[in-house]
Amino acid sequence: GPNKIRLQKLWESLALPMIHRLQSQQTDLKPVPSNSGTDARQDRDAEMQQRMKEQIAFVKQWLIDTKGPRRTQAWKYDNREAYRDEFQGLMKEELERFKFTFAECYKELEAQPGGLDLIGRPSVEIMDGALTTQLQAHPLLPWLQRLDPASAFEALRMVGA
């Protein structure tokens, strides 16, 4: 229907280019002339950061707005059906770019002093399995267990809260 066409056109003309801009950090700002001072460069950098924030906010809001309700018995439609294949292809491309970027960072880290030691460490290490929750590490406060408002007030007063 017409909504499907509108979503497809919005995807093609606005969302897809905006997602590409997030990776390239393109903001359509003209370069600062080479004879400009540091103030002009700082102003351009600040404007670039602001535009990137706006672009990120747009993409985030667009993703939220176009997801629609979950499929149920009452709602059998796929809001992203018109461009789903393109969207999934784009996400695969972006993930491959990130993998490449992270692989480069990983190589740089490996070359740093102590890098091999850092890379060799496990990604998750539990030092003391008995203390995996906050309750095991710190006992509940007595005044909290008794639900005593007067003791609670006094304990908070003593710590200046």
C-alpha atoms as a PDB file:
ATOM      1  CA  GLY A   1       0.000   0.000   0.000  1.00  0.00           C
ATOM      2  CA  PRO A   2       0.951   3.673   0.160  1.00  0.00           C
ATOM      3  CA  ASN A   3       2.690   3.325   3.529  1.00  0.00           C
ATOM      4  CA  LYS A   4       4.953   0.623   2.127  1.00  0.00           C
ATOM      5  CA  ILE A   5       5.939   2.931  -0.740  1.00  0.00           C
ATOM      6  CA  ARG A   6       6.526   5.846   1.649  1.00  0.00           C
ATOM      7  CA  LEU A   7       8.749   3.712   3.857  1.00  0.00           C
ATOM      8  CA  GLN A   8      10.694   2.471   0.811  1.00  0.00           C
ATOM      9  CA  LYS A   9      11.248   6.046  -0.431  1.00  0.00           C
ATOM     10  CA  LEU A  10      12.247   7.227   3.042  1.00  0.00           C
ATOM     11  CA  TRP A  11      14.724   4.352   3.227  1.00  0.00           C
ATOM     12  CA  GLU A  12      16.220   5.060  -0.201  1.00  0.00           C
ATOM     13  CA  SER A  13      16.429   8.839   0.028  1.00  0.00           C
ATOM     14  CA  LEU A  14      17.188   9.493   3.682  1.00  0.00           C
ATOM     15  CA  ALA A  15      17.842   6.555   5.987  1.00  0.00           C
ATOM     16  CA  LEU A  16      20.270   4.580   3.797  1.00  0.00           C
ATOM     17  CA  PRO A  17      22.522   7.586   3.049  1.00  0.00           C
ATOM     18  CA  MET A  18      22.388   8.627   6.710  1.00  0.00           C
ATOM     19  CA  ILE A  19      23.524   5.194   7.884  1.00  0.00           C
ATOM     20  CA  HIS A  20      26.427   5.331   5.411  1.00  0.00           C
ATOM     21  CA  ARG A  21      27.358   8.750   6.802  1.00  0.00           C
ATOM     22  CA  LEU A  22      27.689   7.362  10.314  1.00  0.00           C
ATOM     23  CA  GLN A  23      30.646   5.218   9.263  1.00  0.00           C
ATOM     24  CA  SER A  24      32.282   7.835   7.028  1.00  0.00           C
ATOM     25  CA  GLN A  25      31.420  10.691   9.438  1.00  0.00           C
ATOM     26  CA  GLN A  26      30.411  12.845   6.475  1.00  0.00           C
ATOM     27  CA  THR A  27      28.486  15.970   7.497  1.00  0.00           C
ATOM     28  CA  ASP A  28      28.390  18.135   4.329  1.00  0.00           C
ATOM     29  CA  LEU A  29      30.477  20.860   5.947  1.00  0.00           C
ATOM     30  CA  LYS A  30      32.798  22.706   3.633  1.00  0.00           C
ATOM     31  CA  PRO A  31      36.477  22.401   4.542  1.00  0.00           C
ATOM     32  CA  VAL A  32      38.066  25.263   6.425  1.00  0.00           C
ATOM     33  CA  PRO A  33      40.313  27.357   4.155  1.00  0.00           C
ATOM     34  CA  SER A  34      43.995  26.641   4.723  1.00  0.00           C
ATOM     35  CA  ASN A  35      44.644  30.246   5.791  1.00  0.00           C
ATOM     36  CA  SER A  36      42.044  30.061   8.589  1.00  0.00           C
ATOM     37  CA  GLY A  37      43.073  30.277  12.212  1.00  0.00           C
ATOM     38  CA  THR A  38      42.636  27.776  14.993  1.00  0.00           C
ATOM     39  CA  ASP A  39      39.338  29.378  16.082  1.00  0.00           C
ATOM     40  CA  ALA A  40      37.789  28.651  12.683  1.00  0.00           C
ATOM     41  CA  ARG A  41      39.024  25.065  12.827  1.00  0.00           C
ATOM     42  CA  GLN A  42      37.679  24.596  16.345  1.00  0.00           C
ATOM     43  CA  ASP A  43      34.309  26.058  15.294  1.00  0.00           C
ATOM     44  CA  ARG A  44      34.161  23.675  12.334  1.00  0.00           C
ATOM     45  CA  ASP A  45      35.063  20.709  14.550  1.00  0.00           C
ATOM     46  CA  ALA A  46      32.348  21.687  17.038  1.00  0.00           C
ATOM     47  CA  GLU A  47      29.813  22.058  14.225  1.00  0.00           C
ATOM     48  CA  MET A  48      30.866  18.686  12.812  1.00  0.00           C
ATOM     49  CA  GLN A  49      30.404  17.009  16.183  1.00  0.00           C
ATOM     50  CA  GLN A  50      26.967  18.598  16.549  1.00  0.00           C
ATOM     51  CA  ARG A  51      25.899  17.428  13.102  1.00  0.00           C
ATOM     52  CA  MET A  52      27.143  13.908  13.823  1.00  0.00           C
ATOM     53  CA  LYS A  53      25.099  13.872  17.042  1.00  0.00           C
ATOM     54  CA  GLU A  54      22.031  14.954  15.071  1.00  0.00           C
ATOM     55  CA  GLN A  55      22.622  12.284  12.427  1.00  0.00           C
ATOM     56  CA  ILE A  56      23.037   9.595  15.085  1.00  0.00           C
ATOM     57  CA  ALA A  57      19.869  10.785  16.824  1.00  0.00           C
ATOM     58  CA  PHE A  58      17.984  10.691  13.514  1.00  0.00           C
ATOM     59  CA  VAL A  59      19.080   7.136  12.676  1.00  0.00           C
ATOM     60  CA  LYS A  60      18.296   5.937  16.194  1.00  0.00           C
ATOM     61  CA  GLN A  61      14.834   7.513  16.140  1.00  0.00           C
ATOM     62  CA  TRP A  62      14.183   6.254  12.612  1.00  0.00           C
ATOM     63  CA  LEU A  63      15.035   2.702  13.680  1.00  0.00           C
ATOM     64  CA  ILE A  64      12.686   2.986  16.654  1.00  0.00           C
ATOM     65  CA  ASP A  65       9.849   4.525  14.640  1.00  0.00           C
ATOM     66  CA  THR A  66       9.991   2.050  11.774  1.00  0.00           C
ATOM     67  CA  LYS A  67      10.173  -1.154  13.771  1.00  0.00           C
ATOM     68  CA  GLY A  68       6.461  -1.050  14.528  1.00  0.00           C
ATOM     69  CA  PRO A  69       4.683  -3.377  16.911  1.00  0.00           C
ATOM     70  CA  ARG A  70       5.723  -7.000  17.313  1.00  0.00           C
ATOM     71  CA  ARG A  71       3.975  -9.528  15.169  1.00  0.00           C
ATOM     72  CA  THR A  72       0.974 -10.993  16.933  1.00  0.00           C
ATOM     73  CA  GLN A  73      -2.334 -12.533  15.928  1.00  0.00           C
ATOM     74  CA  ALA A  74      -3.745  -9.015  15.662  1.00  0.00           C
ATOM     75  CA  TRP A  75      -0.713  -7.476  13.857  1.00  0.00           C
ATOM     76  CA  LYS A  76       0.562  -9.666  11.040  1.00  0.00           C
ATOM     77  CA  TYR A  77       2.448  -6.969   9.136  1.00  0.00           C
ATOM     78  CA  ASP A  78       6.175  -6.453   8.699  1.00  0.00           C
ATOM     79  CA  ASN A  79       6.843  -2.721   8.785  1.00  0.00           C
ATOM     80  CA  ARG A  80      10.254  -3.088   7.161  1.00  0.00           C
ATOM     81  CA  GLU A  81       9.182  -5.567   4.509  1.00  0.00           C
ATOM     82  CA  ALA A  82       9.703  -3.112   1.632  1.00  0.00           C
ATOM     83  CA  TYR A  83      13.423  -2.716   2.310  1.00  0.00           C
ATOM     84  CA  ARG A  84      14.235  -5.599   4.660  1.00  0.00           C
ATOM     85  CA  ASP A  85      16.698  -7.333   2.301  1.00  0.00           C
ATOM     86  CA  GLU A  86      18.577  -4.090   1.615  1.00  0.00           C
ATOM     87  CA  PHE A  87      18.600  -3.268   5.318  1.00  0.00           C
ATOM     88  CA  GLN A  88      19.978  -6.661   6.303  1.00  0.00           C
ATOM     89  CA  GLY A  89      22.601  -6.439   3.533  1.00  0.00           C
ATOM     90  CA  LEU A  90      23.649  -3.016   4.767  1.00  0.00           C
ATOM     91  CA  MET A  91      23.945  -4.287   8.338  1.00  0.00           C
ATOM     92  CA  LYS A  92      26.145  -7.167   7.142  1.00  0.00           C
ATOM     93  CA  GLU A  93      28.359  -4.682   5.266  1.00  0.00           C
ATOM     94  CA  GLU A  94      28.628  -2.468   8.341  1.00  0.00           C
ATOM     95  CA  LEU A  95      29.529  -5.429  10.553  1.00  0.00           C
ATOM     96  CA  GLU A  96      32.257  -6.441   8.113  1.00  0.00           C
ATOM     97  CA  ARG A  97      33.648  -2.879   8.215  1.00  0.00           C
ATOM     98  CA  PHE A  98      33.653  -2.956  11.997  1.00  0.00           C
ATOM     99  CA  LYS A  99      35.359  -6.353  11.996  1.00  0.00           C
ATOM    100  CA  PHE A 100      38.062  -4.973   9.726  1.00  0.00           C
ATOM    101  CA  THR A 101      38.509  -1.868  11.903  1.00  0.00           C
ATOM    102  CA  PHE A 102      38.674  -3.942  15.081  1.00  0.00           C
ATOM    103  CA  ALA A 103      41.154  -6.349  13.487  1.00  0.00           C
ATOM    104  CA  GLU A 104      43.417  -3.381  12.750  1.00  0.00           C
ATOM    105  CA  CYS A 105      43.064  -2.125  16.344  1.00  0.00           C
ATOM    106  CA  TYR A 106      43.791  -5.634  17.601  1.00  0.00           C
ATOM    107  CA  LYS A 107      47.004  -5.763  15.535  1.00  0.00           C
ATOM    108  CA  GLU A 108      48.078  -2.362  16.901  1.00  0.00           C
ATOM    109  CA  LEU A 109      47.345  -3.494  20.461  1.00  0.00           C
ATOM    110  CA  GLU A 110      49.295  -6.689  19.914  1.00  0.00           C
ATOM    111  CA  ALA A 111      52.338  -4.664  18.810  1.00  0.00           C
ATOM    112  CA  GLN A 112      52.286  -2.468  21.948  1.00  0.00           C
ATOM    113  CA  PRO A 113      54.434  -3.334  24.980  1.00  0.00           C
ATOM    114  CA  GLY A 114      52.429  -5.775  27.096  1.00  0.00           C
ATOM    115  CA  GLY A 115      49.966  -6.267  24.242  1.00  0.00           C
ATOM    116  CA  LEU A 116      50.533  -9.995  23.957  1.00  0.00           C
ATOM    117  CA  ASP A 117      49.936 -10.399  27.697  1.00  0.00           C
ATOM    118  CA  LEU A 118      46.712  -8.401  27.455  1.00  0.00           C
ATOM    119  CA  ILE A 119      45.500 -10.355  24.431  1.00  0.00           C
ATOM    120  CA  GLY A 120      46.305 -13.648  26.156  1.00  0.00           C
ATOM    121  CA  ARG A 121      44.030 -12.896  29.101  1.00  0.00           C
ATOM    122  CA  PRO A 122      40.531 -14.389  29.152  1.00  0.00           C
ATOM    123  CA  SER A 123      37.737 -11.982  28.265  1.00  0.00           C
ATOM    124  CA  VAL A 124      35.878 -12.935  31.454  1.00  0.00           C
ATOM    125  CA  GLU A 125      37.659 -13.939  34.635  1.00  0.00           C
ATOM    126  CA  ILE A 126      35.919 -14.670  37.923  1.00  0.00           C
ATOM    127  CA  MET A 127      38.351 -14.103  40.773  1.00  0.00           C
ATOM    128  CA  ASP A 128      36.151 -15.498  43.562  1.00  0.00           C
ATOM    129  CA  GLY A 129      33.049 -17.387  42.478  1.00  0.00           C
ATOM    130  CA  ALA A 130      31.550 -17.063  45.944  1.00  0.00           C
ATOM    131  CA  LEU A 131      31.276 -13.296  45.493  1.00  0.00           C
ATOM    132  CA  THR A 132      29.443 -13.105  42.165  1.00  0.00           C
ATOM    133  CA  THR A 133      26.491 -11.109  43.503  1.00  0.00           C
ATOM    134  CA  GLN A 134      26.365  -7.956  45.559  1.00  0.00           C
ATOM    135  CA  LEU A 135      24.563  -9.765  48.387  1.00  0.00           C
ATOM    136  CA  GLN A 136      27.405 -12.265  48.682  1.00  0.00           C
ATOM    137  CA  ALA A 137      30.055  -9.540  48.718  1.00  0.00           C
ATOM    138  CA  HIS A 138      28.275  -7.220  51.188  1.00  0.00           C
ATOM    139  CA  PRO A 139      25.697  -8.339  53.743  1.00  0.00           C
ATOM    140  CA  LEU A 140      22.393  -6.520  53.963  1.00  0.00           C
ATOM    141  CA  LEU A 141      22.403  -3.703  56.471  1.00  0.00           C
ATOM    142  CA  PRO A 142      20.625  -4.643  59.734  1.00  0.00           C
ATOM    143  CA  TRP A 143      18.309  -1.640  59.678  1.00  0.00           C
ATOM    144  CA  LEU A 144      17.289  -2.545  56.136  1.00  0.00           C
ATOM    145  CA  GLN A 145      16.498  -6.150  57.095  1.00  0.00           C
ATOM    146  CA  ARG A 146      14.359  -5.087  60.052  1.00  0.00           C
ATOM    147  CA  LEU A 147      12.538  -2.400  58.053  1.00  0.00           C
ATOM    148  CA  ASP A 148      13.081  -0.005  60.928  1.00  0.00           C
ATOM    149  CA  PRO A 149      12.567   3.594  59.686  1.00  0.00           C
ATOM    150  CA  ALA A 150      14.091   5.184  62.801  1.00  0.00           C
ATOM    151  CA  SER A 151      17.302   3.118  62.511  1.00  0.00           C
ATOM    152  CA  ALA A 152      17.429   3.763  58.790  1.00  0.00           C
ATOM    153  CA  PHE A 153      17.117   7.520  59.331  1.00  0.00           C
ATOM    154  CA  GLU A 154      19.836   7.428  62.001  1.00  0.00           C
ATOM    155  CA  ALA A 155      22.196   5.371  59.802  1.00  0.00           C
ATOM    156  CA  LEU A 156      21.710   7.748  56.876  1.00  0.00           C
ATOM    157  CA  ARG A 157      22.154  10.785  59.156  1.00  0.00           C
ATOM    158  CA  MET A 158      25.458   9.386  60.452  1.00  0.00           C
ATOM    159  CA  VAL A 159      26.924   9.128  56.956  1.00  0.00           C
ATOM    160  CA  GLY A 160      25.650  12.580  55.997  1.00  0.00           C
ATOM    161  CA  ALA A 161      23.185  11.380  53.379  1.00  0.00           C
END
